[in-house]
């Protein structure tokens, strides 16, 4: 994510999200075990994480539901995931 996208996301979250709450992250990545593990490791062990491979096996979707208490927590995860090459944010 670009810095401008993060600024826009922060503004939207501040206007529309009541915290603390459960936040759902969704990502799509090429089916690469290393990339999947890097994303999974960004979340605490109590996160509700679902991983589903596409029909042809080329891509994997990752959905993580976590309790967050601040917009900063949400933004920090997006910053870290954006360092992983090829991740699509939904």
N, C-alpha and C. Protein backbone atom coordinates (compact mmCIF):
# COMPACT_ATOMS: atom_id res chain seq x y z
N UNK A 1 0.85 -1.18 0.00
CA UNK A 1 0.00 0.00 0.00
C UNK A 1 0.89 1.24 0.00
N UNK A 2 0.46 2.21 -0.74
CA UNK A 2 1.21 3.46 -0.76
C UNK A 2 0.88 4.26 0.50
N UNK A 3 1.71 5.25 0.76
CA UNK A 3 1.47 6.11 1.93
C UNK A 3 0.12 6.82 1.81
N UNK A 4 -0.23 7.25 0.60
CA UNK A 4 -1.51 7.93 0.40
C UNK A 4 -2.68 6.98 0.66
N UNK A 5 -2.56 5.74 0.23
CA UNK A 5 -3.62 4.76 0.49
C UNK A 5 -3.78 4.53 1.99
N UNK A 6 -2.67 4.51 2.72
CA UNK A 6 -2.74 4.34 4.17
C UNK A 6 -3.40 5.54 4.84
N UNK A 7 -3.11 6.74 4.35
CA UNK A 7 -3.74 7.96 4.89
C UNK A 7 -5.24 7.90 4.66
N UNK A 8 -5.63 7.51 3.46
CA UNK A 8 -7.06 7.41 3.13
C UNK A 8 -7.73 6.34 3.98
N UNK A 9 -7.07 5.20 4.14
CA UNK A 9 -7.62 4.12 4.97
C UNK A 9 -7.78 4.58 6.40
N UNK A 10 -6.77 5.25 6.94
CA UNK A 10 -6.85 5.75 8.32
C UNK A 10 -8.06 6.66 8.49
N UNK A 11 -8.25 7.58 7.57
CA UNK A 11 -9.37 8.52 7.66
C UNK A 11 -10.70 7.76 7.62
N UNK A 12 -10.81 6.81 6.71
CA UNK A 12 -12.04 6.03 6.59
C UNK A 12 -12.31 5.24 7.87
N UNK A 13 -11.28 4.58 8.40
CA UNK A 13 -11.44 3.80 9.63
C UNK A 13 -11.85 4.68 10.79
N UNK A 14 -11.23 5.84 10.92
CA UNK A 14 -11.56 6.75 12.02
C UNK A 14 -13.00 7.23 11.94
N UNK A 15 -13.52 7.37 10.72
CA UNK A 15 -14.89 7.85 10.54
C UNK A 15 -15.94 6.76 10.65
N UNK A 16 -15.55 5.50 10.41
CA UNK A 16 -16.57 4.45 10.29
C UNK A 16 -16.46 3.30 11.27
N UNK A 17 -15.37 3.24 12.03
CA UNK A 17 -15.14 2.07 12.87
C UNK A 17 -15.24 2.43 14.35
N UNK A 18 -16.02 1.64 15.07
CA UNK A 18 -16.10 1.77 16.52
C UNK A 18 -15.12 0.76 17.11
N UNK A 19 -14.25 1.26 17.96
CA UNK A 19 -13.22 0.39 18.54
C UNK A 19 -13.38 0.31 20.04
N UNK A 20 -13.01 -0.77 20.67
CA UNK A 20 -12.45 -2.00 20.09
C UNK A 20 -13.52 -2.78 19.32
N UNK A 21 -13.05 -3.55 18.35
CA UNK A 21 -13.94 -4.39 17.56
C UNK A 21 -13.14 -5.47 16.85
N UNK A 22 -13.87 -6.38 16.22
CA UNK A 22 -13.23 -7.40 15.40
C UNK A 22 -13.03 -6.80 14.02
N UNK A 23 -11.80 -6.88 13.54
CA UNK A 23 -11.48 -6.36 12.21
C UNK A 23 -11.08 -7.53 11.31
N UNK A 24 -11.54 -7.48 10.07
CA UNK A 24 -11.24 -8.56 9.14
C UNK A 24 -10.29 -8.06 8.06
N UNK A 25 -9.14 -8.72 7.98
CA UNK A 25 -8.16 -8.47 6.93
C UNK A 25 -8.36 -9.52 5.86
N UNK A 26 -8.22 -9.12 4.58
CA UNK A 26 -8.30 -10.08 3.48
C UNK A 26 -7.16 -9.78 2.51
N UNK A 27 -6.42 -10.82 2.19
CA UNK A 27 -5.30 -10.70 1.27
C UNK A 27 -5.33 -11.85 0.27
N UNK A 28 -4.78 -11.59 -0.92
CA UNK A 28 -4.57 -12.65 -1.91
C UNK A 28 -3.09 -12.61 -2.26
N UNK A 29 -2.49 -13.79 -2.33
CA UNK A 29 -1.07 -13.90 -2.61
C UNK A 29 -0.85 -15.12 -3.49
N UNK A 30 0.22 -15.10 -4.28
CA UNK A 30 0.55 -16.31 -5.03
C UNK A 30 0.75 -17.44 -4.03
N UNK A 31 0.41 -18.64 -4.42
CA UNK A 31 0.51 -19.79 -3.52
C UNK A 31 1.98 -20.12 -3.26
N UNK A 32 2.54 -19.38 -2.37
CA UNK A 32 3.95 -19.50 -1.97
C UNK A 32 3.95 -19.65 -0.45
N UNK A 33 4.36 -20.83 0.03
CA UNK A 33 4.30 -21.10 1.47
C UNK A 33 5.03 -20.06 2.31
N UNK A 34 6.14 -19.55 1.81
CA UNK A 34 6.89 -18.54 2.55
C UNK A 34 6.07 -17.26 2.73
N UNK A 35 5.44 -16.79 1.66
CA UNK A 35 4.64 -15.57 1.73
C UNK A 35 3.43 -15.76 2.64
N UNK A 36 2.81 -16.90 2.53
CA UNK A 36 1.65 -17.21 3.38
C UNK A 36 2.07 -17.20 4.85
N UNK A 37 3.19 -17.83 5.15
CA UNK A 37 3.69 -17.88 6.53
C UNK A 37 4.05 -16.50 7.04
N UNK A 38 4.64 -15.67 6.20
CA UNK A 38 4.99 -14.31 6.62
C UNK A 38 3.74 -13.53 7.03
N UNK A 39 2.67 -13.70 6.27
CA UNK A 39 1.42 -13.01 6.61
C UNK A 39 0.82 -13.59 7.88
N UNK A 40 0.76 -14.90 7.98
CA UNK A 40 0.20 -15.55 9.18
C UNK A 40 0.93 -15.11 10.44
N UNK A 41 2.24 -14.98 10.36
CA UNK A 41 3.04 -14.64 11.53
C UNK A 41 2.87 -13.20 12.01
N UNK A 42 2.16 -12.39 11.25
CA UNK A 42 1.89 -11.01 11.68
C UNK A 42 0.79 -10.95 12.73
N UNK A 43 0.07 -12.06 12.89
CA UNK A 43 -1.08 -12.08 13.79
C UNK A 43 -0.80 -12.92 15.02
N UNK A 44 -1.44 -12.55 16.11
CA UNK A 44 -1.33 -13.30 17.36
C UNK A 44 -1.93 -14.69 17.18
N UNK A 45 -1.59 -15.59 18.07
CA UNK A 45 -2.06 -16.97 17.97
C UNK A 45 -3.57 -17.09 18.12
N UNK A 46 -4.22 -16.11 18.73
CA UNK A 46 -5.67 -16.18 18.92
C UNK A 46 -6.45 -15.62 17.73
N UNK A 47 -5.76 -15.18 16.68
CA UNK A 47 -6.44 -14.68 15.49
C UNK A 47 -7.17 -15.82 14.79
N UNK A 48 -8.32 -15.50 14.22
CA UNK A 48 -9.11 -16.47 13.45
C UNK A 48 -8.67 -16.35 11.99
N UNK A 49 -7.81 -17.26 11.54
CA UNK A 49 -7.22 -17.17 10.21
C UNK A 49 -7.73 -18.32 9.34
N UNK A 50 -8.19 -17.95 8.14
CA UNK A 50 -8.67 -18.94 7.17
C UNK A 50 -7.86 -18.78 5.89
N UNK A 51 -7.38 -19.89 5.37
CA UNK A 51 -6.58 -19.90 4.16
C UNK A 51 -7.27 -20.79 3.14
N UNK A 52 -7.41 -20.26 1.91
CA UNK A 52 -8.08 -21.03 0.87
C UNK A 52 -7.33 -20.84 -0.45
N UNK A 53 -6.97 -21.96 -1.05
CA UNK A 53 -6.27 -21.95 -2.32
C UNK A 53 -7.28 -21.83 -3.46
N UNK A 54 -6.91 -21.11 -4.51
CA UNK A 54 -7.79 -20.98 -5.67
C UNK A 54 -7.95 -22.32 -6.36
N UNK A 55 -8.94 -22.41 -7.22
CA UNK A 55 -9.23 -23.67 -7.90
C UNK A 55 -8.05 -24.22 -8.68
N UNK A 56 -7.27 -23.34 -9.30
CA UNK A 56 -6.12 -23.80 -10.07
C UNK A 56 -4.84 -23.86 -9.24
N UNK A 57 -4.93 -23.46 -7.98
CA UNK A 57 -3.79 -23.54 -7.08
C UNK A 57 -2.76 -22.45 -7.23
N UNK A 58 -3.02 -21.50 -8.10
CA UNK A 58 -2.03 -20.44 -8.36
C UNK A 58 -2.03 -19.38 -7.25
N UNK A 59 -3.20 -19.11 -6.67
CA UNK A 59 -3.32 -18.07 -5.66
C UNK A 59 -3.92 -18.62 -4.37
N UNK A 60 -3.65 -17.92 -3.28
CA UNK A 60 -4.21 -18.28 -1.99
C UNK A 60 -4.80 -17.04 -1.36
N UNK A 61 -6.02 -17.19 -0.82
CA UNK A 61 -6.62 -16.07 -0.09
C UNK A 61 -6.42 -16.31 1.41
N UNK A 62 -6.15 -15.24 2.10
CA UNK A 62 -5.94 -15.30 3.55
C UNK A 62 -6.90 -14.30 4.19
N UNK A 63 -7.72 -14.80 5.09
CA UNK A 63 -8.64 -13.95 5.84
C UNK A 63 -8.29 -14.09 7.31
N UNK A 64 -8.09 -12.96 7.96
CA UNK A 64 -7.75 -12.97 9.39
C UNK A 64 -8.71 -12.04 10.13
N UNK A 65 -9.35 -12.57 11.15
CA UNK A 65 -10.22 -11.77 12.01
C UNK A 65 -9.54 -11.64 13.35
N UNK A 66 -9.35 -10.39 13.78
CA UNK A 66 -8.66 -10.12 15.04
C UNK A 66 -9.36 -8.99 15.78
N UNK A 67 -9.25 -9.01 17.08
CA UNK A 67 -9.76 -7.91 17.89
C UNK A 67 -8.71 -6.81 17.89
N UNK A 68 -9.13 -5.61 17.53
CA UNK A 68 -8.23 -4.46 17.52
C UNK A 68 -8.79 -3.38 18.43
N UNK A 69 -7.88 -2.61 19.01
CA UNK A 69 -8.31 -1.55 19.91
C UNK A 69 -7.99 -0.16 19.38
N UNK A 70 -7.23 -0.10 18.27
CA UNK A 70 -6.91 1.21 17.71
C UNK A 70 -6.72 1.12 16.20
N UNK A 71 -6.93 2.24 15.55
CA UNK A 71 -6.69 2.33 14.11
C UNK A 71 -5.21 2.10 13.82
N UNK A 72 -4.35 2.54 14.72
CA UNK A 72 -2.91 2.34 14.53
C UNK A 72 -2.55 0.86 14.40
N UNK A 73 -3.21 0.01 15.16
CA UNK A 73 -2.98 -1.44 15.07
C UNK A 73 -3.30 -1.94 13.66
N UNK A 74 -4.41 -1.50 13.12
CA UNK A 74 -4.85 -1.93 11.79
C UNK A 74 -3.84 -1.46 10.74
N UNK A 75 -3.47 -0.20 10.81
CA UNK A 75 -2.54 0.39 9.85
C UNK A 75 -1.19 -0.31 9.91
N UNK A 76 -0.73 -0.65 11.09
CA UNK A 76 0.58 -1.29 11.25
C UNK A 76 0.63 -2.63 10.52
N UNK A 77 -0.45 -3.40 10.60
CA UNK A 77 -0.48 -4.69 9.88
C UNK A 77 -0.40 -4.45 8.38
N UNK A 78 -1.16 -3.48 7.87
CA UNK A 78 -1.11 -3.20 6.44
C UNK A 78 0.28 -2.74 6.00
N UNK A 79 0.96 -1.97 6.83
CA UNK A 79 2.32 -1.54 6.50
C UNK A 79 3.25 -2.75 6.39
N UNK A 80 3.14 -3.67 7.33
CA UNK A 80 4.00 -4.85 7.32
C UNK A 80 3.69 -5.76 6.14
N UNK A 81 2.42 -5.94 5.83
CA UNK A 81 2.04 -6.80 4.71
C UNK A 81 2.49 -6.17 3.39
N UNK A 82 2.46 -4.86 3.31
CA UNK A 82 2.85 -4.21 2.06
C UNK A 82 4.33 -4.42 1.74
N UNK A 83 5.11 -4.85 2.72
CA UNK A 83 6.53 -5.16 2.49
C UNK A 83 6.72 -6.52 1.82
N UNK A 84 5.66 -7.32 1.77
CA UNK A 84 5.72 -8.65 1.14
C UNK A 84 5.31 -8.48 -0.33
N UNK A 85 6.19 -8.87 -1.20
CA UNK A 85 5.98 -8.67 -2.63
C UNK A 85 4.79 -9.47 -3.16
N UNK A 86 3.96 -8.80 -3.95
CA UNK A 86 2.90 -9.48 -4.67
C UNK A 86 1.59 -9.68 -3.93
N UNK A 87 1.43 -9.08 -2.76
CA UNK A 87 0.20 -9.25 -1.99
C UNK A 87 -0.87 -8.29 -2.51
N UNK A 88 -2.05 -8.79 -2.71
CA UNK A 88 -3.20 -7.98 -3.11
C UNK A 88 -4.05 -7.76 -1.87
N UNK A 89 -4.41 -6.52 -1.62
CA UNK A 89 -5.23 -6.16 -0.46
C UNK A 89 -6.68 -6.05 -0.90
N UNK A 90 -7.58 -6.66 -0.12
CA UNK A 90 -9.01 -6.55 -0.44
C UNK A 90 -9.71 -5.74 0.64
